[in-house]
Amino acid sequence: MTVALDVLLFFHFVGLAGLLGGYLAQLPSRTWRIVPGMTHGALTQLVTGLGMAGIIESTSSTGEPVQPLKWVVKLGVLVVILALIWPNQKKQRVSPGVFQAVGLLTLVNIGIAVFWK
């Protein structure tokens, strides 16, 4: 199971790169839009994150959930990101508030993953 977990973690990072990279690459311009890499990255993070949680949950030696609150918070932040991305992915230009919220929430999710022990 550790190989499966490592593969999912690898693709979770690939999804992160797509989401955050799409945001950071557009920061210098003033015509912000939701590029396909951001949508695909967020969806990749959703699928791989749920897969990792399932594997960790099923292989827990005590049978108790491992950090379920952290998972729920991260999932909630990602759902908000997807709610901002999905309706705006076809638009040629999105409002600065939506675009900055996507970037900020992505950074918040990274912070939760790194600092919540």
N, C-alpha and C. Protein backbone atom coordinates (compact mmCIF):
# COMPACT_ATOMS: atom_id res chain seq x y z
N MET A 1 0.81 -1.21 0.00
CA MET A 1 0.00 0.00 0.00
C MET A 1 0.85 1.27 0.00
N THR A 2 2.07 1.18 0.48
CA THR A 2 2.89 2.39 0.48
C THR A 2 3.22 2.85 -0.93
N VAL A 3 3.35 1.92 -1.87
CA VAL A 3 3.60 2.31 -3.26
C VAL A 3 2.40 3.07 -3.80
N ALA A 4 1.22 2.56 -3.56
CA ALA A 4 0.00 3.24 -4.03
C ALA A 4 -0.12 4.62 -3.39
N LEU A 5 0.19 4.72 -2.11
CA LEU A 5 0.12 6.00 -1.42
C LEU A 5 1.15 6.98 -2.00
N ASP A 6 2.34 6.50 -2.29
CA ASP A 6 3.38 7.35 -2.88
C ASP A 6 2.99 7.82 -4.28
N VAL A 7 2.38 6.94 -5.06
CA VAL A 7 1.95 7.32 -6.41
C VAL A 7 0.86 8.38 -6.33
N LEU A 8 -0.09 8.19 -5.42
CA LEU A 8 -1.15 9.20 -5.26
C LEU A 8 -0.58 10.52 -4.77
N LEU A 9 0.38 10.48 -3.86
CA LEU A 9 1.01 11.71 -3.37
C LEU A 9 1.74 12.42 -4.50
N PHE A 10 2.43 11.65 -5.34
CA PHE A 10 3.12 12.23 -6.49
C PHE A 10 2.13 12.99 -7.38
N PHE A 11 1.02 12.35 -7.72
CA PHE A 11 0.04 13.00 -8.59
C PHE A 11 -0.71 14.13 -7.87
N HIS A 12 -0.78 14.05 -6.56
CA HIS A 12 -1.35 15.14 -5.78
C HIS A 12 -0.48 16.39 -5.95
N PHE A 13 0.84 16.19 -5.91
CA PHE A 13 1.76 17.31 -6.13
C PHE A 13 1.69 17.82 -7.57
N VAL A 14 1.48 16.93 -8.52
CA VAL A 14 1.32 17.35 -9.91
C VAL A 14 0.07 18.23 -10.04
N GLY A 15 -1.01 17.84 -9.38
CA GLY A 15 -2.22 18.66 -9.38
C GLY A 15 -1.98 20.02 -8.74
N LEU A 16 -1.23 20.02 -7.66
CA LEU A 16 -0.88 21.28 -7.00
C LEU A 16 -0.09 22.17 -7.95
N ALA A 17 0.86 21.58 -8.68
CA ALA A 17 1.66 22.35 -9.62
C ALA A 17 0.78 22.97 -10.71
N GLY A 18 -0.20 22.24 -11.19
CA GLY A 18 -1.10 22.78 -12.21
C GLY A 18 -1.94 23.92 -11.69
N LEU A 19 -2.46 23.76 -10.49
CA LEU A 19 -3.31 24.79 -9.90
C LEU A 19 -2.52 26.04 -9.54
N LEU A 20 -1.45 25.86 -8.78
CA LEU A 20 -0.66 27.00 -8.35
C LEU A 20 0.13 27.60 -9.51
N GLY A 21 0.64 26.76 -10.40
CA GLY A 21 1.38 27.25 -11.55
C GLY A 21 0.53 28.10 -12.48
N GLY A 22 -0.71 27.67 -12.70
CA GLY A 22 -1.62 28.46 -13.52
C GLY A 22 -1.90 29.82 -12.92
N TYR A 23 -1.96 29.87 -11.61
CA TYR A 23 -2.18 31.13 -10.89
C TYR A 23 -0.93 32.01 -10.98
N LEU A 24 0.22 31.46 -10.60
CA LEU A 24 1.45 32.25 -10.53
C LEU A 24 1.91 32.74 -11.90
N ALA A 25 1.69 31.94 -12.93
CA ALA A 25 2.12 32.33 -14.28
C ALA A 25 1.36 33.56 -14.78
N GLN A 26 0.16 33.77 -14.28
CA GLN A 26 -0.65 34.88 -14.76
C GLN A 26 -0.55 36.13 -13.90
N LEU A 27 0.10 36.03 -12.76
CA LEU A 27 0.15 37.19 -11.86
C LEU A 27 0.70 38.46 -12.52
N PRO A 28 1.75 38.39 -13.32
CA PRO A 28 2.26 39.63 -13.91
C PRO A 28 1.29 40.30 -14.88
N SER A 29 0.44 39.52 -15.52
CA SER A 29 -0.51 40.14 -16.47
C SER A 29 -1.71 40.69 -15.70
N ARG A 30 -2.48 41.48 -16.36
CA ARG A 30 -3.67 42.03 -15.73
C ARG A 30 -4.95 41.43 -16.31
N THR A 31 -4.81 40.50 -17.24
CA THR A 31 -5.96 39.82 -17.81
C THR A 31 -5.98 38.40 -17.26
N TRP A 32 -6.58 38.24 -16.12
CA TRP A 32 -6.56 36.95 -15.44
C TRP A 32 -7.73 36.10 -15.90
N ARG A 33 -7.44 34.82 -16.07
CA ARG A 33 -8.49 33.88 -16.43
C ARG A 33 -8.17 32.53 -15.82
N ILE A 34 -9.15 31.66 -15.79
CA ILE A 34 -8.97 30.32 -15.28
C ILE A 34 -8.51 29.45 -16.44
N VAL A 35 -7.25 29.06 -16.42
CA VAL A 35 -6.71 28.23 -17.50
C VAL A 35 -7.05 26.76 -17.21
N PRO A 36 -7.09 25.92 -18.25
CA PRO A 36 -7.45 24.51 -18.04
C PRO A 36 -6.56 23.79 -17.02
N GLY A 37 -5.28 24.16 -16.95
CA GLY A 37 -4.39 23.52 -15.99
C GLY A 37 -4.84 23.73 -14.55
N MET A 38 -5.46 24.86 -14.27
CA MET A 38 -5.95 25.13 -12.92
C MET A 38 -7.13 24.21 -12.60
N THR A 39 -8.04 24.06 -13.56
CA THR A 39 -9.19 23.17 -13.36
C THR A 39 -8.74 21.73 -13.20
N HIS A 40 -7.89 21.29 -14.10
CA HIS A 40 -7.42 19.90 -14.05
C HIS A 40 -6.59 19.65 -12.80
N GLY A 41 -5.80 20.65 -12.39
CA GLY A 41 -5.01 20.49 -11.18
C GLY A 41 -5.88 20.35 -9.94
N ALA A 42 -6.93 21.15 -9.86
CA ALA A 42 -7.83 21.07 -8.70
C ALA A 42 -8.57 19.73 -8.68
N LEU A 43 -9.01 19.28 -9.84
CA LEU A 43 -9.70 17.98 -9.90
C LEU A 43 -8.75 16.83 -9.58
N THR A 44 -7.50 16.94 -10.03
CA THR A 44 -6.50 15.93 -9.71
C THR A 44 -6.25 15.89 -8.21
N GLN A 45 -6.17 17.05 -7.59
CA GLN A 45 -5.98 17.09 -6.15
C GLN A 45 -7.16 16.47 -5.42
N LEU A 46 -8.36 16.71 -5.91
CA LEU A 46 -9.54 16.13 -5.28
C LEU A 46 -9.51 14.61 -5.33
N VAL A 47 -9.27 14.06 -6.51
CA VAL A 47 -9.28 12.60 -6.67
C VAL A 47 -8.15 11.96 -5.88
N THR A 48 -6.94 12.50 -6.00
CA THR A 48 -5.80 11.89 -5.31
C THR A 48 -5.90 12.08 -3.79
N GLY A 49 -6.41 13.22 -3.36
CA GLY A 49 -6.57 13.44 -1.93
C GLY A 49 -7.56 12.47 -1.30
N LEU A 50 -8.67 12.24 -1.99
CA LEU A 50 -9.64 11.27 -1.49
C LEU A 50 -9.05 9.86 -1.50
N GLY A 51 -8.27 9.55 -2.53
CA GLY A 51 -7.62 8.25 -2.60
C GLY A 51 -6.62 8.05 -1.46
N MET A 52 -5.82 9.07 -1.20
CA MET A 52 -4.86 8.97 -0.10
C MET A 52 -5.55 8.82 1.25
N ALA A 53 -6.62 9.60 1.46
CA ALA A 53 -7.36 9.49 2.71
C ALA A 53 -7.94 8.10 2.87
N GLY A 54 -8.45 7.54 1.79
CA GLY A 54 -9.01 6.19 1.85
C GLY A 54 -7.97 5.15 2.19
N ILE A 55 -6.79 5.25 1.57
CA ILE A 55 -5.72 4.29 1.86
C ILE A 55 -5.24 4.43 3.30
N ILE A 56 -5.02 5.65 3.74
CA ILE A 56 -4.55 5.86 5.11
C ILE A 56 -5.59 5.36 6.10
N GLU A 57 -6.85 5.64 5.81
CA GLU A 57 -7.93 5.20 6.70
C GLU A 57 -8.01 3.68 6.75
N SER A 58 -7.88 3.04 5.61
CA SER A 58 -8.05 1.58 5.57
C SER A 58 -6.85 0.83 6.13
N THR A 59 -5.69 1.47 6.14
CA THR A 59 -4.50 0.79 6.65
C THR A 59 -4.12 1.23 8.05
N SER A 60 -4.95 2.05 8.68
CA SER A 60 -4.67 2.50 10.04
C SER A 60 -4.66 1.30 10.97
N SER A 61 -3.59 1.16 11.74
CA SER A 61 -3.43 -0.02 12.59
C SER A 61 -4.41 -0.02 13.77
N THR A 62 -4.85 1.15 14.19
CA THR A 62 -5.77 1.21 15.33
C THR A 62 -7.22 1.14 14.90
N GLY A 63 -7.48 1.30 13.63
CA GLY A 63 -8.85 1.28 13.15
C GLY A 63 -9.56 2.61 13.33
N GLU A 64 -8.88 3.57 13.94
CA GLU A 64 -9.47 4.89 14.13
C GLU A 64 -9.03 5.81 12.99
N PRO A 65 -9.86 6.79 12.65
CA PRO A 65 -9.48 7.72 11.59
C PRO A 65 -8.25 8.54 11.99
N VAL A 66 -7.42 8.83 11.01
CA VAL A 66 -6.22 9.60 11.25
C VAL A 66 -6.45 11.02 10.76
N GLN A 67 -6.48 11.98 11.65
CA GLN A 67 -6.68 13.40 11.36
C GLN A 67 -7.88 13.68 10.45
N PRO A 68 -9.05 13.22 10.81
CA PRO A 68 -10.20 13.46 9.93
C PRO A 68 -10.56 14.94 9.83
N LEU A 69 -10.33 15.72 10.87
CA LEU A 69 -10.65 17.14 10.81
C LEU A 69 -9.78 17.85 9.78
N LYS A 70 -8.50 17.51 9.73
CA LYS A 70 -7.60 18.10 8.75
C LYS A 70 -8.08 17.78 7.34
N TRP A 71 -8.48 16.54 7.11
CA TRP A 71 -8.95 16.13 5.79
C TRP A 71 -10.22 16.89 5.40
N VAL A 72 -11.13 17.05 6.35
CA VAL A 72 -12.38 17.75 6.06
C VAL A 72 -12.11 19.22 5.76
N VAL A 73 -11.21 19.84 6.51
CA VAL A 73 -10.89 21.25 6.26
C VAL A 73 -10.24 21.40 4.89
N LYS A 74 -9.27 20.54 4.57
CA LYS A 74 -8.62 20.61 3.26
C LYS A 74 -9.62 20.36 2.12
N LEU A 75 -10.51 19.40 2.32
CA LEU A 75 -11.54 19.13 1.32
C LEU A 75 -12.46 20.34 1.17
N GLY A 76 -12.83 20.95 2.27
CA GLY A 76 -13.69 22.13 2.21
C GLY A 76 -13.05 23.28 1.45
N VAL A 77 -11.76 23.52 1.70
CA VAL A 77 -11.06 24.58 0.97
C VAL A 77 -11.00 24.25 -0.51
N LEU A 78 -10.74 23.00 -0.84
CA LEU A 78 -10.67 22.61 -2.25
C LEU A 78 -12.03 22.72 -2.93
N VAL A 79 -13.08 22.41 -2.22
CA VAL A 79 -14.44 22.55 -2.79
C VAL A 79 -14.73 24.02 -3.08
N VAL A 80 -14.30 24.92 -2.20
CA VAL A 80 -14.48 26.35 -2.45
C VAL A 80 -13.67 26.77 -3.68
N ILE A 81 -12.43 26.27 -3.78
CA ILE A 81 -11.61 26.57 -4.97
C ILE A 81 -12.33 26.10 -6.23
N LEU A 82 -12.83 24.88 -6.21
CA LEU A 82 -13.55 24.36 -7.38
C LEU A 82 -14.82 25.16 -7.66
N ALA A 83 -15.49 25.63 -6.62
CA ALA A 83 -16.69 26.44 -6.81
C ALA A 83 -16.35 27.79 -7.45
N LEU A 84 -15.15 28.28 -7.21
CA LEU A 84 -14.72 29.52 -7.86
C LEU A 84 -14.23 29.27 -9.29
N ILE A 85 -13.58 28.14 -9.49
CA ILE A 85 -13.01 27.83 -10.80
C ILE A 85 -14.06 27.39 -11.81
N TRP A 86 -14.92 26.47 -11.41
CA TRP A 86 -15.82 25.82 -12.35
C TRP A 86 -16.68 26.79 -13.17
N PRO A 87 -17.40 27.72 -12.54
CA PRO A 87 -18.26 28.60 -13.35
C PRO A 87 -17.48 29.64 -14.15
N ASN A 88 -16.20 29.82 -13.84
CA ASN A 88 -15.42 30.85 -14.51
C ASN A 88 -14.42 30.31 -15.52
N GLN A 89 -14.41 29.00 -15.74
CA GLN A 89 -13.38 28.44 -16.61
C GLN A 89 -13.54 28.79 -18.08
N LYS A 90 -14.73 29.13 -18.52
CA LYS A 90 -14.96 29.47 -19.93
C LYS A 90 -14.82 30.98 -20.20
N LYS A 91 -14.75 31.76 -19.15
CA LYS A 91 -14.68 33.21 -19.33
C LYS A 91 -13.28 33.63 -19.77
N GLN A 92 -13.24 34.65 -20.61
CA GLN A 92 -11.96 35.18 -21.07
C GLN A 92 -11.26 36.00 -20.01
N ARG A 93 -12.03 36.46 -19.04
CA ARG A 93 -11.47 37.29 -17.97
C ARG A 93 -12.30 37.08 -16.71
N VAL A 94 -11.62 36.89 -15.57
CA VAL A 94 -12.33 36.76 -14.31
C VAL A 94 -11.99 37.97 -13.43
N SER A 95 -12.84 38.22 -12.46
CA SER A 95 -12.61 39.36 -11.59
C SER A 95 -11.35 39.13 -10.75
N PRO A 96 -10.68 40.21 -10.39
CA PRO A 96 -9.50 40.07 -9.55
C PRO A 96 -9.79 39.36 -8.23
N GLY A 97 -10.97 39.58 -7.67
CA GLY A 97 -11.33 38.93 -6.40
C GLY A 97 -11.38 37.42 -6.52
N VAL A 98 -11.99 36.94 -7.58
CA VAL A 98 -12.08 35.49 -7.79
C VAL A 98 -10.69 34.92 -8.02
N PHE A 99 -9.91 35.56 -8.87
CA PHE A 99 -8.59 35.05 -9.20
C PHE A 99 -7.69 35.03 -7.97
N GLN A 100 -7.69 36.11 -7.22
CA GLN A 100 -6.84 36.17 -6.02
C GLN A 100 -7.33 35.20 -4.95
N ALA A 101 -8.63 34.99 -4.85
CA ALA A 101 -9.17 34.03 -3.88
C ALA A 101 -8.70 32.62 -4.20
N VAL A 102 -8.66 32.28 -5.48
CA VAL A 102 -8.18 30.95 -5.88
C VAL A 102 -6.72 30.78 -5.45
N GLY A 103 -5.90 31.78 -5.71
CA GLY A 103 -4.48 31.70 -5.31
C GLY A 103 -4.31 31.65 -3.82
N LEU A 104 -5.03 32.49 -3.10
CA LEU A 104 -4.91 32.53 -1.64
C LEU A 104 -5.39 31.22 -1.01
N LEU A 105 -6.51 30.70 -1.47
CA LEU A 105 -7.02 29.44 -0.93
C LEU A 105 -6.10 28.27 -1.26
N THR A 106 -5.46 28.31 -2.41
CA THR A 106 -4.48 27.27 -2.74
C THR A 106 -3.32 27.32 -1.76
N LEU A 107 -2.84 28.51 -1.46
CA LEU A 107 -1.76 28.65 -0.48
C LEU A 107 -2.21 28.24 0.92
N VAL A 108 -3.45 28.54 1.26
CA VAL A 108 -3.99 28.12 2.56
C VAL A 108 -3.99 26.59 2.65
N ASN A 109 -4.41 25.93 1.58
CA ASN A 109 -4.44 24.47 1.58
C ASN A 109 -3.03 23.88 1.71
N ILE A 110 -2.05 24.50 1.08
CA ILE A 110 -0.67 24.05 1.23
C ILE A 110 -0.23 24.24 2.67
N GLY A 111 -0.56 25.38 3.24
CA GLY A 111 -0.21 25.64 4.64
C GLY A 111 -0.83 24.64 5.60
N ILE A 112 -2.07 24.29 5.37
CA ILE A 112 -2.72 23.28 6.21
C ILE A 112 -1.98 21.95 6.10
N ALA A 113 -1.63 21.57 4.89
CA ALA A 113 -0.94 20.30 4.68
C ALA A 113 0.42 20.28 5.38
N VAL A 114 1.12 21.40 5.34
CA VAL A 114 2.48 21.43 5.86
C VAL A 114 2.51 21.64 7.38
N PHE A 115 1.71 22.59 7.87
CA PHE A 115 1.86 23.00 9.26
C PHE A 115 0.91 22.33 10.24
N TRP A 116 -0.17 21.73 9.77
CA TRP A 116 -1.11 21.07 10.68
C TRP A 116 -0.59 19.67 10.96
N LYS A 117 -0.06 19.49 12.14
CA LYS A 117 0.52 18.18 12.51
C LYS A 117 -0.41 17.42 13.41
